[in-house]
Amino acid sequence: PRFKNTIVIYGWSIGEEDEHIIRQLKRSSFSKVAVSIVPKGRSEQSISEEQEYITGKLSNLVSEEKIYFFDADSKGCWCH
């Protein structure tokens, strides 16, 4: 399957058990990835570690500067 230029990931932790999804995404072409993060009640270190983990998982798909994180509770984030 072919995706548009941006892929948005809501509520997916991108765990080790999800490697089959990563492999399928590698077959597609897109220039940016936006990933939701739930920061509420978490330390900055915990959020940073999650972002680093996700960046590592997605860095074979797009360059690190094209991976964007956003608050999953932000107003309007489900509108796109």
Foldseek 3Di string as FASTA:
>chain_A
DEDEQEEEAEPDLPDPVCVVVLVVLQVYHHAAYEYEDACPPHDPVVRVVSLVVVLVSCCSHYPSVRYHYDHNPDPPPVVD
